[in-house]
Protein backbone atom coordinates (compact mmCIF):
# COMPACT_ATOMS: atom_id res chain seq x y z
CA MET A 1 -5.38 -12.21 12.51
CA GLY A 2 -3.73 -11.08 9.31
CA VAL A 3 -1.95 -7.98 8.08
CA LYS A 4 -4.05 -4.83 8.11
CA VAL A 5 -3.69 -2.58 5.08
CA GLU A 6 -4.88 1.03 5.23
CA ILE A 7 -5.20 2.80 1.89
CA ASP A 8 -4.95 6.56 1.43
CA PRO A 9 -8.36 8.14 0.62
CA PHE A 10 -6.85 9.61 -2.57
CA LEU A 11 -6.43 6.08 -3.94
CA ALA A 12 -9.93 5.18 -2.82
CA GLU A 13 -11.36 7.99 -4.94
CA GLY A 14 -12.25 10.20 -2.00
CA ALA A 15 -13.88 7.52 0.15
CA ALA A 16 -12.86 7.16 3.77
CA VAL A 17 -9.60 5.29 4.28
CA VAL A 18 -10.08 1.78 2.96
CA LYS A 19 -9.01 -0.86 5.45
CA VAL A 20 -8.58 -4.48 4.51
CA GLU A 21 -7.11 -7.45 6.33
CA ILE A 22 -5.15 -10.01 4.36
CA GLU A 23 -2.66 -12.83 4.73
CA ALA A 24 0.70 -11.83 3.26
CA ALA A 25 4.44 -12.31 3.73
CA SER A 26 5.67 -9.01 2.22
CA THR A 27 4.54 -5.50 1.46
CA GLY A 28 4.47 -6.43 -2.23
CA ASP A 29 2.07 -9.29 -1.48
CA CYS A 30 -0.13 -6.85 0.42
CA ILE A 31 -0.27 -4.38 -2.45
CA MET A 32 -0.95 -7.07 -5.05
CA GLU A 33 -3.90 -8.29 -2.97
CA VAL A 34 -5.23 -4.73 -2.70
CA VAL A 35 -4.96 -4.38 -6.49
CA ARG A 36 -6.71 -7.73 -6.94
CA ARG A 37 -9.59 -6.50 -4.78
CA TYR A 38 -9.61 -2.94 -6.16
CA PRO A 39 -8.31 -3.13 -9.77
CA ALA A 40 -8.87 0.58 -10.45
CA MET A 41 -6.10 1.40 -7.97
CA GLU A 42 -3.38 -0.34 -10.00
CA MET A 43 -2.78 2.59 -12.35
CA MET A 44 -2.54 4.98 -9.40
CA ILE A 45 -0.11 2.80 -7.42
CA PHE A 46 2.20 1.47 -10.15
CA SER A 47 3.90 3.29 -13.04
CA ARG A 48 4.72 -0.13 -14.53
CA PRO A 49 4.63 -3.68 -13.12
CA GLY A 50 6.66 -3.83 -9.93
CA GLN A 51 7.48 -0.10 -9.95
CA LEU A 52 5.68 2.19 -7.51
CA ARG A 53 4.79 5.67 -8.70
CA ASP A 54 7.11 8.37 -7.35
CA TYR A 55 4.36 9.79 -5.14
CA MET A 56 3.66 6.50 -3.34
CA SER A 57 5.06 5.67 0.07
CA ILE A 58 4.63 2.46 2.02
CA LEU A 59 4.89 2.24 5.78
CA VAL A 60 4.84 -0.79 8.05
CA ASN A 61 3.76 -0.06 11.61
CA GLY A 62 4.37 3.65 11.00
CA LYS A 63 7.91 3.27 9.59
CA VAL A 64 8.78 3.97 5.95
CA VAL A 65 10.10 0.90 4.13
CA TYR A 66 12.82 2.14 1.83
CA PRO A 67 14.71 1.47 -0.48
CA GLU A 68 12.87 -1.78 -1.27
CA PRO A 69 9.25 -0.92 -0.50
CA LEU A 70 7.77 -4.03 -2.13
CA SER A 71 9.94 -6.62 -0.39
CA ALA A 72 9.69 -5.63 3.27
CA PRO A 73 8.55 -8.59 5.38
CA VAL A 74 5.24 -8.40 7.22
CA ARG A 75 3.60 -10.67 9.74
CA SER A 76 0.24 -11.11 11.37
CA GLY A 77 -0.72 -8.05 13.37
CA ASP A 78 1.32 -5.58 11.30
CA VAL A 79 -0.32 -2.52 9.76
CA VAL A 80 0.73 -1.50 6.24
CA TYR A 81 -0.12 2.00 5.06
CA LEU A 82 -0.28 2.98 1.38
CA LEU A 83 0.19 6.75 1.34
CA VAL A 84 0.19 9.33 -1.41
CA LEU A 85 2.88 11.96 -0.94
CA LEU A 86 1.61 15.43 -1.70
CA ALA A 87 3.66 18.41 -2.77
CA GLY A 88 2.88 21.93 -3.62
CA GLY A 89 3.25 25.44 -2.48
């Protein structure tokens, strides 16, 4: 059993939430594997290498990982969520 990663439908271009299971030690490892599998998502997730876009939020087991969202440790059985924060009025 690895780490489950659930990807916001916005990043998956309107498809249902994409769920993948991977082996990883950190949230950054998880995201890099997602980008490896789905290269088109890289521009939507990162503003530059190693820098998440302002509208991205990462959660591990339902808890926001902040202020270092790419270095939070993960272990087998954890669920990592890549969410797009929406704003508007």
